[in-house]
Amino acid sequence: MITVETFGNFNHRELAEKLQAKHPELTRIILLPELREMTQGEVTGKLEAIRIDPNDIFTLCWSSGTEAEPKGCPLSHNNWIFQGSFCYEVAPILPGIT
């Protein structure tokens, strides 16, 4: 989980730690200062060591709360591939059509 220490007089770190205690699959809490530190240094372009599964979360899209409270909706690589393919099938893009 990536979060901030506090925001708007709310302790996000404390909430993250409570969630971690209840959910052992939440193995790591990264606070914003640590994330900033992780992004420092030389960019090598070498990503071979990073293994990505098609069902890994790719983006976190935010709903406006039309039918309920606003929330983050995690979407995987497979979600986006399916959506792109489905959109093409429903409204195909053809050469020469503008």
N, C-alpha and C. Protein backbone atom coordinates (compact mmCIF):
# COMPACT_ATOMS: atom_id res chain seq x y z
N MET A 1 0.84 -1.16 0.00
CA MET A 1 0.00 0.00 0.00
C MET A 1 0.89 1.23 0.00
N ILE A 2 0.56 2.19 -0.83
CA ILE A 2 1.27 3.46 -0.86
C ILE A 2 0.32 4.52 -0.32
N THR A 3 0.78 5.27 0.67
CA THR A 3 -0.07 6.28 1.28
C THR A 3 0.77 7.42 1.84
N VAL A 4 0.10 8.40 2.38
CA VAL A 4 0.76 9.51 3.07
C VAL A 4 0.64 9.28 4.57
N GLU A 5 1.48 9.98 5.33
CA GLU A 5 1.42 9.86 6.80
C GLU A 5 0.07 10.37 7.31
N THR A 6 -0.20 11.64 7.03
CA THR A 6 -1.47 12.25 7.42
C THR A 6 -1.95 13.16 6.30
N PHE A 7 -3.24 13.37 6.26
CA PHE A 7 -3.82 14.31 5.30
C PHE A 7 -5.17 14.74 5.84
N GLY A 8 -5.41 16.03 5.87
CA GLY A 8 -6.68 16.54 6.35
C GLY A 8 -6.99 16.11 7.78
N ASN A 9 -6.00 16.18 8.64
CA ASN A 9 -6.14 15.79 10.05
C ASN A 9 -6.53 14.32 10.23
N PHE A 10 -6.22 13.49 9.25
CA PHE A 10 -6.50 12.06 9.35
C PHE A 10 -5.19 11.30 9.23
N ASN A 11 -4.96 10.34 10.12
CA ASN A 11 -3.72 9.58 10.13
C ASN A 11 -3.85 8.35 9.22
N HIS A 12 -3.41 8.50 7.98
CA HIS A 12 -3.50 7.42 7.00
C HIS A 12 -2.56 6.27 7.32
N ARG A 13 -1.42 6.58 7.90
CA ARG A 13 -0.48 5.51 8.27
C ARG A 13 -1.11 4.58 9.32
N GLU A 14 -1.77 5.18 10.30
CA GLU A 14 -2.41 4.39 11.35
C GLU A 14 -3.49 3.47 10.74
N LEU A 15 -4.28 4.01 9.84
CA LEU A 15 -5.30 3.19 9.18
C LEU A 15 -4.65 2.05 8.39
N ALA A 16 -3.57 2.35 7.67
CA ALA A 16 -2.87 1.32 6.90
C ALA A 16 -2.34 0.22 7.81
N GLU A 17 -1.81 0.59 8.95
CA GLU A 17 -1.29 -0.40 9.89
C GLU A 17 -2.41 -1.26 10.47
N LYS A 18 -3.57 -0.68 10.73
CA LYS A 18 -4.72 -1.46 11.19
C LYS A 18 -5.17 -2.45 10.12
N LEU A 19 -5.20 -1.98 8.87
CA LEU A 19 -5.57 -2.87 7.77
C LEU A 19 -4.56 -4.00 7.62
N GLN A 20 -3.29 -3.67 7.77
CA GLN A 20 -2.23 -4.67 7.65
C GLN A 20 -2.38 -5.74 8.73
N ALA A 21 -2.77 -5.35 9.93
CA ALA A 21 -2.95 -6.31 11.01
C ALA A 21 -4.10 -7.28 10.72
N LYS A 22 -5.11 -6.81 10.01
CA LYS A 22 -6.28 -7.64 9.68
C LYS A 22 -6.08 -8.45 8.39
N HIS A 23 -5.21 -7.97 7.52
CA HIS A 23 -5.04 -8.59 6.19
C HIS A 23 -3.56 -8.91 5.95
N PRO A 24 -3.14 -10.14 6.24
CA PRO A 24 -1.73 -10.50 6.10
C PRO A 24 -1.20 -10.38 4.66
N GLU A 25 -2.09 -10.36 3.69
CA GLU A 25 -1.62 -10.19 2.30
C GLU A 25 -1.13 -8.77 2.03
N LEU A 26 -1.45 -7.84 2.89
CA LEU A 26 -0.91 -6.48 2.81
C LEU A 26 0.46 -6.52 3.47
N THR A 27 1.46 -6.80 2.67
CA THR A 27 2.79 -7.08 3.22
C THR A 27 3.65 -5.84 3.41
N ARG A 28 3.30 -4.73 2.76
CA ARG A 28 4.20 -3.57 2.83
C ARG A 28 3.40 -2.28 2.79
N ILE A 29 3.78 -1.35 3.61
CA ILE A 29 3.22 0.00 3.60
C ILE A 29 4.35 0.94 3.21
N ILE A 30 4.15 1.69 2.17
CA ILE A 30 5.15 2.64 1.70
C ILE A 30 4.58 4.04 1.85
N LEU A 31 5.26 4.88 2.63
CA LEU A 31 4.83 6.26 2.80
C LEU A 31 5.48 7.13 1.74
N LEU A 32 4.86 8.26 1.45
CA LEU A 32 5.31 9.13 0.38
C LEU A 32 6.81 9.47 0.43
N PRO A 33 7.39 9.81 1.60
CA PRO A 33 8.83 10.10 1.62
C PRO A 33 9.68 8.91 1.14
N GLU A 34 9.28 7.68 1.53
CA GLU A 34 10.02 6.50 1.09
C GLU A 34 9.87 6.31 -0.42
N LEU A 35 8.68 6.55 -0.94
CA LEU A 35 8.46 6.44 -2.38
C LEU A 35 9.33 7.43 -3.14
N ARG A 36 9.41 8.66 -2.63
CA ARG A 36 10.26 9.67 -3.27
C ARG A 36 11.72 9.23 -3.27
N GLU A 37 12.16 8.64 -2.15
CA GLU A 37 13.54 8.16 -2.05
C GLU A 37 13.78 7.02 -3.05
N MET A 38 12.81 6.16 -3.21
CA MET A 38 12.94 5.02 -4.12
C MET A 38 13.10 5.47 -5.58
N THR A 39 12.59 6.63 -5.91
CA THR A 39 12.63 7.10 -7.29
C THR A 39 13.89 7.90 -7.61
N GLN A 40 14.75 8.07 -6.63
CA GLN A 40 16.00 8.80 -6.86
C GLN A 40 17.06 7.87 -7.44
N GLY A 41 18.03 8.44 -8.09
CA GLY A 41 19.14 7.65 -8.60
C GLY A 41 19.07 7.51 -10.12
N GLU A 42 20.03 6.77 -10.61
CA GLU A 42 20.19 6.60 -12.05
C GLU A 42 19.06 5.75 -12.63
N VAL A 43 18.57 6.18 -13.78
CA VAL A 43 17.57 5.41 -14.51
C VAL A 43 18.33 4.53 -15.50
N THR A 44 18.24 3.23 -15.32
CA THR A 44 19.02 2.31 -16.15
C THR A 44 18.23 1.79 -17.35
N GLY A 45 16.91 1.75 -17.24
CA GLY A 45 16.10 1.20 -18.31
C GLY A 45 16.08 -0.32 -18.30
N LYS A 46 16.72 -0.92 -17.29
CA LYS A 46 16.77 -2.37 -17.20
C LYS A 46 15.62 -2.86 -16.31
N LEU A 47 14.67 -3.49 -16.94
CA LEU A 47 13.48 -3.93 -16.21
C LEU A 47 13.32 -5.44 -16.23
N GLU A 48 14.34 -6.15 -16.64
CA GLU A 48 14.23 -7.60 -16.76
C GLU A 48 13.87 -8.29 -15.45
N ALA A 49 14.28 -7.72 -14.33
CA ALA A 49 14.05 -8.36 -13.05
C ALA A 49 12.61 -8.19 -12.56
N ILE A 50 11.87 -7.30 -13.20
CA ILE A 50 10.50 -7.05 -12.77
C ILE A 50 9.57 -8.00 -13.52
N ARG A 51 8.87 -8.82 -12.79
CA ARG A 51 7.93 -9.77 -13.37
C ARG A 51 6.52 -9.22 -13.23
N ILE A 52 5.82 -9.12 -14.34
CA ILE A 52 4.47 -8.59 -14.34
C ILE A 52 3.51 -9.67 -14.78
N ASP A 53 2.49 -9.88 -13.98
CA ASP A 53 1.44 -10.84 -14.30
C ASP A 53 0.30 -10.08 -14.97
N PRO A 54 -0.36 -10.66 -15.96
CA PRO A 54 -1.48 -9.96 -16.62
C PRO A 54 -2.59 -9.55 -15.66
N ASN A 55 -2.68 -10.20 -14.51
CA ASN A 55 -3.72 -9.84 -13.54
C ASN A 55 -3.23 -8.88 -12.47
N ASP A 56 -1.96 -8.43 -12.56
CA ASP A 56 -1.46 -7.40 -11.64
C ASP A 56 -2.22 -6.10 -11.89
N ILE A 57 -2.36 -5.31 -10.85
CA ILE A 57 -3.03 -4.02 -10.99
C ILE A 57 -2.16 -3.08 -11.82
N PHE A 58 -2.76 -2.47 -12.82
CA PHE A 58 -2.06 -1.56 -13.73
C PHE A 58 -2.42 -0.11 -13.41
N THR A 59 -3.68 0.15 -13.14
CA THR A 59 -4.11 1.51 -12.83
C THR A 59 -5.14 1.48 -11.70
N LEU A 60 -5.26 2.61 -11.05
CA LEU A 60 -6.30 2.79 -10.05
C LEU A 60 -7.16 3.94 -10.54
N CYS A 61 -8.34 3.62 -11.03
CA CYS A 61 -9.27 4.63 -11.55
C CYS A 61 -10.23 5.02 -10.43
N TRP A 62 -10.60 6.26 -10.39
CA TRP A 62 -11.46 6.75 -9.32
C TRP A 62 -12.87 6.97 -9.84
N SER A 63 -13.84 6.42 -9.12
CA SER A 63 -15.24 6.62 -9.48
C SER A 63 -15.71 7.93 -8.85
N SER A 64 -16.75 8.49 -9.41
CA SER A 64 -17.28 9.75 -8.87
C SER A 64 -18.29 9.50 -7.76
N GLY A 65 -18.67 8.26 -7.55
CA GLY A 65 -19.65 7.96 -6.52
C GLY A 65 -21.07 8.14 -7.00
N THR A 66 -21.34 7.91 -8.27
CA THR A 66 -22.68 8.09 -8.82
C THR A 66 -23.72 7.26 -8.08
N GLU A 67 -23.40 6.01 -7.81
CA GLU A 67 -24.36 5.12 -7.14
C GLU A 67 -23.99 4.83 -5.69
N ALA A 68 -22.82 5.22 -5.26
CA ALA A 68 -22.37 4.98 -3.89
C ALA A 68 -21.28 6.00 -3.58
N GLU A 69 -20.48 5.73 -2.58
CA GLU A 69 -19.38 6.62 -2.22
C GLU A 69 -18.29 6.56 -3.30
N PRO A 70 -17.59 7.67 -3.55
CA PRO A 70 -16.45 7.61 -4.47
C PRO A 70 -15.42 6.61 -3.98
N LYS A 71 -14.75 5.92 -4.90
CA LYS A 71 -13.78 4.90 -4.50
C LYS A 71 -12.79 4.66 -5.63
N GLY A 72 -11.66 4.06 -5.24
CA GLY A 72 -10.67 3.65 -6.22
C GLY A 72 -11.04 2.29 -6.78
N CYS A 73 -10.94 2.15 -8.10
CA CYS A 73 -11.28 0.88 -8.76
C CYS A 73 -10.01 0.34 -9.42
N PRO A 74 -9.40 -0.70 -8.83
CA PRO A 74 -8.17 -1.24 -9.42
C PRO A 74 -8.46 -2.01 -10.71
N LEU A 75 -7.70 -1.72 -11.75
CA LEU A 75 -7.85 -2.40 -13.04
C LEU A 75 -6.53 -3.05 -13.42
N SER A 76 -6.60 -4.30 -13.85
CA SER A 76 -5.40 -5.05 -14.22
C SER A 76 -5.04 -4.81 -15.68
N HIS A 77 -3.89 -5.34 -16.08
CA HIS A 77 -3.49 -5.29 -17.49
C HIS A 77 -4.55 -5.98 -18.33
N ASN A 78 -5.04 -7.14 -17.84
CA ASN A 78 -6.08 -7.88 -18.58
C ASN A 78 -7.36 -7.07 -18.72
N ASN A 79 -7.73 -6.30 -17.69
CA ASN A 79 -8.91 -5.43 -17.80
C ASN A 79 -8.79 -4.49 -18.98
N TRP A 80 -7.64 -3.83 -19.08
CA TRP A 80 -7.45 -2.84 -20.15
C TRP A 80 -7.38 -3.50 -21.52
N ILE A 81 -6.73 -4.64 -21.62
CA ILE A 81 -6.66 -5.34 -22.91
C ILE A 81 -8.06 -5.74 -23.36
N PHE A 82 -8.85 -6.29 -22.44
CA PHE A 82 -10.22 -6.68 -22.78
C PHE A 82 -11.03 -5.46 -23.21
N GLN A 83 -10.95 -4.38 -22.44
CA GLN A 83 -11.73 -3.19 -22.76
C GLN A 83 -11.37 -2.63 -24.13
N GLY A 84 -10.07 -2.61 -24.43
CA GLY A 84 -9.64 -2.12 -25.75
C GLY A 84 -10.15 -3.00 -26.86
N SER A 85 -10.05 -4.30 -26.67
CA SER A 85 -10.54 -5.25 -27.68
C SER A 85 -12.04 -5.14 -27.85
N PHE A 86 -12.75 -5.02 -26.74
CA PHE A 86 -14.21 -4.94 -26.78
C PHE A 86 -14.66 -3.66 -27.50
N CYS A 87 -14.01 -2.54 -27.20
CA CYS A 87 -14.36 -1.27 -27.86
C CYS A 87 -14.16 -1.39 -29.36
N TYR A 88 -13.09 -2.04 -29.77
CA TYR A 88 -12.82 -2.20 -31.20
C TYR A 88 -13.89 -3.07 -31.86
N GLU A 89 -14.32 -4.12 -31.18
CA GLU A 89 -15.36 -4.99 -31.73
C GLU A 89 -16.70 -4.27 -31.84
N VAL A 90 -17.03 -3.44 -30.88
CA VAL A 90 -18.31 -2.74 -30.86
C VAL A 90 -18.32 -1.60 -31.87
N ALA A 91 -17.26 -0.86 -31.95
CA ALA A 91 -17.17 0.28 -32.87
C ALA A 91 -15.82 0.23 -33.57
N PRO A 92 -15.69 -0.67 -34.56
CA PRO A 92 -14.38 -0.86 -35.19
C PRO A 92 -13.82 0.41 -35.83
N ILE A 93 -12.54 0.54 -35.71
CA ILE A 93 -11.82 1.63 -36.35
C ILE A 93 -11.28 1.07 -37.66
N LEU A 94 -11.67 1.69 -38.76
CA LEU A 94 -11.26 1.18 -40.07
C LEU A 94 -10.41 2.20 -40.79
N PRO A 95 -9.45 1.74 -41.60
CA PRO A 95 -8.60 2.67 -42.35
C PRO A 95 -9.44 3.54 -43.28
N GLY A 96 -9.08 4.80 -43.39
CA GLY A 96 -9.73 5.70 -44.33
C GLY A 96 -10.98 6.37 -43.79
N ILE A 97 -11.44 6.00 -42.61
CA ILE A 97 -12.64 6.63 -42.05
C ILE A 97 -12.17 7.67 -41.03
N THR A 98 -12.65 8.90 -41.19
CA THR A 98 -12.26 9.95 -40.26
C THR A 98 -13.44 10.46 -39.49
